[in-house]
C-alpha atoms as a PDB file:
ATOM      1  CA  MET A   1      -2.882  16.269  21.442  1.00  0.00           C
ATOM      2  CA  ILE A   2      -3.126  16.800  17.099  1.00  0.00           C
ATOM      3  CA  PHE A   3      -1.467  13.283  16.826  1.00  0.00           C
ATOM      4  CA  LEU A   4      -4.513  11.568  18.962  1.00  0.00           C
ATOM      5  CA  LYS A   5      -6.873  13.798  17.351  1.00  0.00           C
ATOM      6  CA  LEU A   6      -5.299  13.115  13.923  1.00  0.00           C
ATOM      7  CA  GLY A   7      -5.204   9.372  14.885  1.00  0.00           C
ATOM      8  CA  LYS A   8      -9.099   9.551  16.107  1.00  0.00           C
ATOM      9  CA  SER A   9     -10.380  11.094  12.975  1.00  0.00           C
ATOM     10  CA  ILE A  10      -8.201   8.448  10.761  1.00  0.00           C
ATOM     11  CA  LYS A  11      -9.955   5.703  12.929  1.00  0.00           C
ATOM     12  CA  ARG A  12     -13.703   6.927  12.162  1.00  0.00           C
ATOM     13  CA  TYR A  13     -12.839   8.229   8.485  1.00  0.00           C
ATOM     14  CA  LEU A  14     -10.474   5.320   7.697  1.00  0.00           C
ATOM     15  CA  GLY A  15     -12.202   4.567   4.715  1.00  0.00           C
ATOM     16  CA  LEU A  16     -12.969   7.891   3.371  1.00  0.00           C
ATOM     17  CA  TYR A  17      -9.199   8.666   3.736  1.00  0.00           C
ATOM     18  CA  SER A  18      -8.065   5.852   1.835  1.00  0.00           C
ATOM     19  CA  CYS A  19     -10.372   6.605  -0.652  1.00  0.00           C
ATOM     20  CA  GLY A  20      -9.126   9.738  -0.764  1.00  0.00           C
ATOM     21  CA  ALA A  21      -5.581   8.923  -0.758  1.00  0.00           C
ATOM     22  CA  ILE A  22      -5.770   6.203  -4.324  1.00  0.00           C
ATOM     23  CA  ILE A  23      -7.655   9.174  -5.724  1.00  0.00           C
ATOM     24  CA  LEU A  24      -5.370  11.725  -5.211  1.00  0.00           C
ATOM     25  CA  GLY A  25      -2.402   9.260  -5.956  1.00  0.00           C
ATOM     26  CA  LEU A  26      -3.982   8.708  -9.204  1.00  0.00           C
ATOM     27  CA  VAL A  27      -4.976  11.917 -10.109  1.00  0.00           C
ATOM     28  CA  VAL A  28      -1.464  13.215  -9.385  1.00  0.00           C
ATOM     29  CA  GLY A  29       0.570  10.118 -10.644  1.00  0.00           C
ATOM     30  CA  ASN A  30      -1.278  11.152 -13.912  1.00  0.00           C
ATOM     31  CA  ILE A  31      -0.523  14.701 -14.227  1.00  0.00           C
ATOM     32  CA  TYR A  32       3.250  14.621 -13.021  1.00  0.00           C
ATOM     33  CA  GLN A  33       5.078  11.847 -14.174  1.00  0.00           C
ATOM     34  CA  SER A  34       8.448  12.401 -14.021  1.00  0.00           C
ATOM     35  CA  LEU A  35      11.181  11.796 -11.534  1.00  0.00           C
ATOM     36  CA  PHE A  36      10.668  14.346  -9.054  1.00  0.00           C
ATOM     37  CA  LEU A  37       7.923  12.068  -7.585  1.00  0.00           C
ATOM     38  CA  LYS A  38      10.414   9.462  -6.472  1.00  0.00           C
ATOM     39  CA  PRO A  39      11.562  11.065  -3.124  1.00  0.00           C
ATOM     40  CA  LEU A  40       8.276  11.568  -2.183  1.00  0.00           C
ATOM     41  CA  ILE A  41       6.879   7.746  -2.439  1.00  0.00           C
ATOM     42  CA  PRO A  42       8.510   6.802   1.332  1.00  0.00           C
ATOM     43  CA  VAL A  43       6.454   9.564   2.512  1.00  0.00           C
ATOM     44  CA  ALA A  44       3.380   8.444   0.745  1.00  0.00           C
ATOM     45  CA  LEU A  45       3.598   4.867   1.981  1.00  0.00           C
ATOM     46  CA  LEU A  46       4.111   6.084   5.327  1.00  0.00           C
ATOM     47  CA  LEU A  47       0.899   8.214   4.912  1.00  0.00           C
ATOM     48  CA  MET A  48      -0.582   5.411   4.053  1.00  0.00           C
ATOM     49  CA  LEU A  49       0.476   2.703   6.341  1.00  0.00           C
ATOM     50  CA  TYR A  50       0.026   5.442   9.379  1.00  0.00           C
ATOM     51  CA  PRO A  51      -3.695   4.475  10.091  1.00  0.00           C
ATOM     52  CA  ALA A  52      -3.504   0.759   9.811  1.00  0.00           C
ATOM     53  CA  MET A  53      -0.489   0.954  12.321  1.00  0.00           C
ATOM     54  CA  PHE A  54      -2.948   2.960  14.564  1.00  0.00           C
ATOM     55  CA  ASP A  55      -5.140  -0.053  15.278  1.00  0.00           C
ATOM     56  CA  ILE A  56      -2.139  -3.084  16.269  1.00  0.00           C
ATOM     57  CA  GLU A  57      -3.234  -4.994  18.910  1.00  0.00           C
ATOM     58  CA  ILE A  58      -0.867  -6.977  21.000  1.00  0.00           C
ATOM     59  CA  GLU A  59      -2.833 -10.106  21.631  1.00  0.00           C
ATOM     60  CA  ARG A  60      -3.395 -10.307  17.726  1.00  0.00           C
ATOM     61  CA  ILE A  61       0.137 -10.548  17.441  1.00  0.00           C
ATOM     62  CA  LYS A  62       0.581 -12.896  19.972  1.00  0.00           C
ATOM     63  CA  ARG A  63      -1.917 -15.166  17.966  1.00  0.00           C
ATOM     64  CA  GLU A  64      -0.901 -15.042  14.879  1.00  0.00           C
ATOM     65  CA  VAL A  65       3.119 -16.047  16.414  1.00  0.00           C
ATOM     66  CA  ILE A  66       1.080 -19.270  17.550  1.00  0.00           C
ATOM     67  CA  LYS A  67      -0.491 -19.556  13.868  1.00  0.00           C
ATOM     68  CA  PRO A  68       0.935 -17.886  11.381  1.00  0.00           C
ATOM     69  CA  LYS A  69      -1.031 -18.845   8.546  1.00  0.00           C
ATOM     70  CA  SER A  70      -2.308 -15.077   7.709  1.00  0.00           C
ATOM     71  CA  LEU A  71       0.783 -13.932   8.489  1.00  0.00           C
ATOM     72  CA  VAL A  72       2.657 -16.416   5.805  1.00  0.00           C
ATOM     73  CA  ILE A  73       0.105 -15.894   2.963  1.00  0.00           C
ATOM     74  CA  ALA A  74       0.465 -12.032   3.375  1.00  0.00           C
ATOM     75  CA  ILE A  75       4.252 -12.397   2.851  1.00  0.00           C
ATOM     76  CA  VAL A  76       4.464 -15.506   0.224  1.00  0.00           C
ATOM     77  CA  GLY A  77       1.127 -13.977  -2.052  1.00  0.00           C
ATOM     78  CA  PRO A  78       3.043 -10.986  -3.003  1.00  0.00           C
ATOM     79  CA  LEU A  79       6.018 -12.647  -3.722  1.00  0.00           C
ATOM     80  CA  VAL A  80       4.312 -14.996  -6.123  1.00  0.00           C
ATOM     81  CA  GLN A  81       2.329 -12.360  -7.590  1.00  0.00           C
ATOM     82  CA  LEU A  82       4.807 -10.074  -8.430  1.00  0.00           C
ATOM     83  CA  PRO A  83       6.989 -11.905 -10.675  1.00  0.00           C
ATOM     84  CA  ILE A  84       3.507 -13.410 -12.338  1.00  0.00           C
ATOM     85  CA  MET A  85       2.768  -9.551 -13.081  1.00  0.00           C
ATOM     86  CA  LEU A  86       5.934  -8.222 -14.050  1.00  0.00           C
ATOM     87  CA  CYS A  87       6.383 -11.228 -16.898  1.00  0.00           C
ATOM     88  CA  TYR A  88       3.364 -10.266 -18.370  1.00  0.00           C
ATOM     89  CA  LEU A  89       3.472  -6.702 -18.664  1.00  0.00           C
ATOM     90  CA  ARG A  90       7.157  -7.435 -20.035  1.00  0.00           C
ATOM     91  CA  LEU A  91       5.595  -9.702 -22.572  1.00  0.00           C
ATOM     92  CA  ARG A  92       3.232  -7.158 -23.216  1.00  0.00           C
ATOM     93  CA  ASN A  93       5.485  -4.699 -23.980  1.00  0.00           C
ATOM     94  CA  VAL A  94       7.809  -7.054 -25.996  1.00  0.00           C
ATOM     95  CA  LYS A  95       4.196  -7.925 -28.470  1.00  0.00           C
ATOM     96  CA  LYS A  96       3.965  -4.137 -28.562  1.00  0.00           C
ATOM     97  CA  ILE A  97       7.363  -3.565 -29.753  1.00  0.00           C
ATOM     98  CA  HIS A  98       7.239  -6.236 -32.700  1.00  0.00           C
ATOM     99  CA  GLN A  99       4.046  -5.221 -34.116  1.00  0.00           C
END
């Protein structure tokens, strides 16, 4: 019963919940930059992804299996972007060290 009310509330105010979660994450991450936050990462990810899982439609999943273009982009995109970003960050740190 509580989960249904929470689900409806999240569905109705998804934008506000998302912005609030991002702001809260940035504030807490900047204040507490230590290792004790690492175990909380899976919990934060669950709270972030739970609203998105609420709105899954079986018909859309069937369409994605038949025409997986957006699914392939969603999987391959981060796999291409991440090494480029990590390379950039590593080069930037190397330049700072040598200056």
